N, C-alpha and C. Protein backbone atom coordinates (compact mmCIF):
# COMPACT_ATOMS: atom_id res chain seq x y z
N MET A 1 0.82 -1.17 0.00
CA MET A 1 0.00 0.01 -0.01
C MET A 1 0.89 1.25 0.01
N PRO A 2 0.70 2.11 -1.02
CA PRO A 2 1.49 3.35 -1.05
C PRO A 2 1.16 4.24 0.16
N THR A 3 2.14 4.96 0.59
CA THR A 3 1.94 5.91 1.70
C THR A 3 2.42 7.31 1.29
N GLY A 4 2.01 8.30 2.01
CA GLY A 4 2.43 9.68 1.75
C GLY A 4 2.74 10.37 3.05
N GLN A 5 2.94 11.67 2.93
CA GLN A 5 3.23 12.46 4.12
C GLN A 5 2.56 13.84 3.94
N ILE A 6 2.05 14.34 5.07
CA ILE A 6 1.47 15.67 5.04
C ILE A 6 2.63 16.65 5.24
N VAL A 7 2.64 17.69 4.38
CA VAL A 7 3.73 18.70 4.43
C VAL A 7 3.07 20.10 4.49
N LYS A 8 3.81 21.08 5.02
CA LYS A 8 3.30 22.44 5.08
C LYS A 8 3.45 23.08 3.69
N TRP A 9 2.41 23.82 3.26
CA TRP A 9 2.45 24.51 2.00
C TRP A 9 1.82 25.89 2.24
N GLY A 10 2.67 26.88 2.51
CA GLY A 10 2.18 28.21 2.91
C GLY A 10 1.53 28.10 4.25
N ASN A 11 0.31 28.58 4.38
CA ASN A 11 -0.49 28.47 5.59
C ASN A 11 -1.32 27.19 5.67
N SER A 12 -1.22 26.37 4.60
CA SER A 12 -2.04 25.18 4.52
C SER A 12 -1.17 23.92 4.63
N LEU A 13 -1.84 22.81 4.54
CA LEU A 13 -1.13 21.51 4.50
C LEU A 13 -1.40 20.86 3.15
N ALA A 14 -0.46 20.02 2.71
CA ALA A 14 -0.59 19.40 1.41
C ALA A 14 -0.24 17.93 1.56
N VAL A 15 -0.80 17.09 0.67
CA VAL A 15 -0.47 15.65 0.61
C VAL A 15 0.00 15.36 -0.80
N ARG A 16 1.11 14.69 -0.92
CA ARG A 16 1.61 14.24 -2.23
C ARG A 16 0.99 12.91 -2.54
N ILE A 17 0.42 12.77 -3.77
CA ILE A 17 -0.18 11.51 -4.20
C ILE A 17 0.90 10.75 -5.00
N PRO A 18 1.21 9.56 -4.60
CA PRO A 18 2.23 8.79 -5.35
C PRO A 18 1.78 8.55 -6.78
N LYS A 19 2.76 8.57 -7.68
CA LYS A 19 2.51 8.44 -9.13
C LYS A 19 1.64 7.25 -9.48
N LEU A 20 1.95 6.09 -8.86
CA LEU A 20 1.15 4.87 -9.20
C LEU A 20 -0.32 5.04 -8.81
N VAL A 21 -0.57 5.65 -7.70
CA VAL A 21 -1.96 5.86 -7.26
C VAL A 21 -2.64 6.85 -8.20
N ALA A 22 -1.94 7.94 -8.59
CA ALA A 22 -2.55 8.92 -9.49
C ALA A 22 -2.86 8.31 -10.84
N GLU A 23 -1.95 7.46 -11.34
CA GLU A 23 -2.22 6.79 -12.64
C GLU A 23 -3.37 5.82 -12.51
N GLU A 24 -3.45 5.12 -11.43
CA GLU A 24 -4.51 4.14 -11.21
C GLU A 24 -5.92 4.78 -11.29
N VAL A 25 -6.05 5.97 -10.66
CA VAL A 25 -7.37 6.62 -10.65
C VAL A 25 -7.49 7.64 -11.79
N GLY A 26 -6.44 7.91 -12.51
CA GLY A 26 -6.53 8.80 -13.64
C GLY A 26 -6.58 10.28 -13.35
N VAL A 27 -5.87 10.71 -12.28
CA VAL A 27 -5.84 12.10 -11.97
C VAL A 27 -4.51 12.70 -12.44
N ARG A 28 -4.57 14.03 -12.75
CA ARG A 28 -3.37 14.72 -13.23
C ARG A 28 -3.28 16.06 -12.47
N GLU A 29 -2.14 16.70 -12.59
CA GLU A 29 -1.94 17.98 -11.98
C GLU A 29 -3.02 18.98 -12.50
N GLY A 30 -3.63 19.68 -11.58
CA GLY A 30 -4.64 20.67 -11.94
C GLY A 30 -6.05 20.14 -11.90
N ASP A 31 -6.27 18.82 -11.79
CA ASP A 31 -7.63 18.28 -11.73
C ASP A 31 -8.29 18.74 -10.45
N PRO A 32 -9.56 19.13 -10.56
CA PRO A 32 -10.28 19.56 -9.34
C PRO A 32 -10.67 18.36 -8.49
N ILE A 33 -10.61 18.56 -7.18
CA ILE A 33 -11.00 17.48 -6.24
C ILE A 33 -11.94 18.03 -5.16
N VAL A 34 -12.62 17.15 -4.54
CA VAL A 34 -13.45 17.50 -3.37
C VAL A 34 -12.80 16.88 -2.14
N ILE A 35 -12.64 17.66 -1.08
CA ILE A 35 -12.04 17.20 0.17
C ILE A 35 -13.10 17.16 1.22
N GLU A 36 -13.34 16.00 1.84
CA GLU A 36 -14.36 15.86 2.84
C GLU A 36 -13.73 15.30 4.12
N ALA A 37 -14.21 15.81 5.24
CA ALA A 37 -13.78 15.33 6.54
C ALA A 37 -14.96 14.60 7.15
N GLU A 38 -14.81 13.28 7.44
CA GLU A 38 -15.90 12.49 8.02
C GLU A 38 -15.36 11.58 9.11
N GLU A 39 -15.89 11.73 10.29
CA GLU A 39 -15.57 10.84 11.42
C GLU A 39 -14.09 10.65 11.58
N GLY A 40 -13.32 11.75 11.59
CA GLY A 40 -11.89 11.66 11.83
C GLY A 40 -11.10 11.23 10.62
N GLN A 41 -11.70 11.12 9.47
CA GLN A 41 -10.99 10.67 8.25
C GLN A 41 -11.08 11.80 7.21
N ILE A 42 -10.12 11.83 6.34
CA ILE A 42 -10.12 12.74 5.18
C ILE A 42 -10.32 11.95 3.94
N ARG A 43 -11.34 12.35 3.16
CA ARG A 43 -11.62 11.66 1.88
C ARG A 43 -11.36 12.62 0.74
N LEU A 44 -10.66 12.18 -0.27
CA LEU A 44 -10.45 12.94 -1.49
C LEU A 44 -11.15 12.21 -2.62
N ARG A 45 -11.86 12.98 -3.49
CA ARG A 45 -12.43 12.41 -4.66
C ARG A 45 -12.44 13.42 -5.77
N ARG A 46 -12.37 12.91 -6.99
CA ARG A 46 -12.42 13.81 -8.14
C ARG A 46 -13.75 14.51 -8.24
N ARG A 47 -13.73 15.75 -8.59
CA ARG A 47 -14.95 16.48 -8.82
C ARG A 47 -15.38 16.25 -10.25
N ARG A 48 -16.59 15.79 -10.46
CA ARG A 48 -17.06 15.49 -11.79
C ARG A 48 -17.82 16.72 -12.32
N TYR A 49 -17.56 17.02 -13.56
CA TYR A 49 -18.31 18.08 -14.20
C TYR A 49 -19.42 17.46 -15.00
N HIS A 50 -20.57 18.13 -15.00
CA HIS A 50 -21.68 17.70 -15.80
C HIS A 50 -21.71 18.56 -17.06
N VAL A 51 -21.48 17.98 -18.21
CA VAL A 51 -21.56 18.69 -19.47
C VAL A 51 -23.04 18.52 -19.97
N PRO A 52 -23.74 19.61 -20.00
CA PRO A 52 -25.16 19.50 -20.41
C PRO A 52 -25.30 19.09 -21.87
N SER A 53 -26.33 18.34 -22.14
CA SER A 53 -26.66 17.91 -23.50
C SER A 53 -27.33 19.07 -24.22
N LEU A 54 -27.39 18.99 -25.55
CA LEU A 54 -28.10 20.01 -26.30
C LEU A 54 -29.56 20.09 -25.88
N ARG A 55 -30.16 18.97 -25.61
CA ARG A 55 -31.56 18.94 -25.14
C ARG A 55 -31.72 19.74 -23.83
N GLU A 56 -30.79 19.55 -22.90
CA GLU A 56 -30.86 20.29 -21.63
C GLU A 56 -30.69 21.82 -21.84
N LEU A 57 -29.75 22.20 -22.74
CA LEU A 57 -29.52 23.58 -23.00
C LEU A 57 -30.72 24.23 -23.66
N VAL A 58 -31.28 23.56 -24.67
CA VAL A 58 -32.44 24.09 -25.36
C VAL A 58 -33.64 24.24 -24.38
N ALA A 59 -33.76 23.30 -23.46
CA ALA A 59 -34.88 23.36 -22.50
C ALA A 59 -34.82 24.60 -21.58
N GLN A 60 -33.64 25.20 -21.49
CA GLN A 60 -33.46 26.39 -20.67
C GLN A 60 -33.83 27.71 -21.41
N ILE A 61 -34.08 27.62 -22.68
CA ILE A 61 -34.44 28.80 -23.46
C ILE A 61 -35.83 29.24 -23.13
N ASN A 62 -36.00 30.53 -22.81
CA ASN A 62 -37.30 31.09 -22.53
C ASN A 62 -37.41 32.50 -23.06
N VAL A 63 -38.51 33.15 -22.87
CA VAL A 63 -38.75 34.48 -23.41
C VAL A 63 -37.73 35.49 -22.90
N GLU A 64 -37.35 35.35 -21.62
CA GLU A 64 -36.42 36.28 -20.99
C GLU A 64 -34.99 36.20 -21.51
N ASN A 65 -34.52 35.01 -21.93
CA ASN A 65 -33.14 34.87 -22.34
C ASN A 65 -32.98 34.61 -23.84
N ARG A 66 -34.04 34.86 -24.62
CA ARG A 66 -33.97 34.61 -26.06
C ARG A 66 -33.80 35.96 -26.75
N TYR A 67 -32.87 36.00 -27.69
CA TYR A 67 -32.64 37.21 -28.47
C TYR A 67 -33.51 37.22 -29.72
N ASP A 68 -33.83 38.42 -30.18
CA ASP A 68 -34.54 38.57 -31.44
C ASP A 68 -33.60 38.23 -32.61
N GLU A 69 -34.18 37.88 -33.75
CA GLU A 69 -33.41 37.62 -34.93
C GLU A 69 -32.72 38.89 -35.42
N LEU A 70 -31.51 38.74 -35.84
CA LEU A 70 -30.75 39.91 -36.35
C LEU A 70 -30.73 39.89 -37.87
N ARG A 71 -31.02 41.04 -38.47
CA ARG A 71 -30.97 41.13 -39.90
C ARG A 71 -29.60 41.62 -40.30
N SER A 72 -28.98 40.97 -41.25
CA SER A 72 -27.66 41.34 -41.64
C SER A 72 -27.62 41.79 -43.13
N GLY A 73 -28.78 41.90 -43.76
CA GLY A 73 -28.81 42.37 -45.12
C GLY A 73 -28.60 41.23 -46.08
N PRO A 74 -28.60 41.52 -47.39
CA PRO A 74 -28.46 40.45 -48.41
C PRO A 74 -27.03 39.88 -48.38
N ALA A 75 -26.93 38.64 -48.89
CA ALA A 75 -25.62 38.01 -48.98
C ALA A 75 -24.76 38.81 -49.95
N ARG A 76 -23.46 38.97 -49.59
CA ARG A 76 -22.57 39.77 -50.44
C ARG A 76 -21.33 38.98 -50.86
N GLY A 77 -21.19 37.80 -50.39
CA GLY A 77 -20.05 37.02 -50.73
C GLY A 77 -20.33 35.55 -50.68
N LYS A 78 -19.42 34.79 -50.12
CA LYS A 78 -19.53 33.33 -50.08
C LYS A 78 -20.40 32.84 -48.95
N GLU A 79 -21.03 33.74 -48.15
CA GLU A 79 -21.86 33.27 -47.07
C GLU A 79 -23.18 32.69 -47.53
N LYS A 80 -23.57 32.99 -48.80
CA LYS A 80 -24.78 32.40 -49.35
C LYS A 80 -24.46 31.04 -49.91
N VAL A 81 -25.16 30.05 -49.37
CA VAL A 81 -24.94 28.65 -49.82
C VAL A 81 -26.22 28.10 -50.36
N GLU A 82 -26.18 27.54 -51.51
CA GLU A 82 -27.36 26.95 -52.09
C GLU A 82 -27.20 25.45 -51.97
N TRP A 83 -28.17 24.78 -51.32
CA TRP A 83 -28.10 23.36 -51.12
C TRP A 83 -28.78 22.65 -52.19
């Protein structure tokens, strides 16, 4: 079982994660984590981001956040495409 050590980092404390452990769970420098204290133990876990689907984003469109159509005039160059 890999072990580490708590070290001082400015006014805080830091823990170094051994390379083999980091590779096993797939974390890299800069990855966000959640730190929880429970019953005298410290738990670290990766913070998961939820990337919304197009359906979720479209469902959030309403009258208050929808822009009116913009008129840009007639096509003047290659922006006109005939299908």
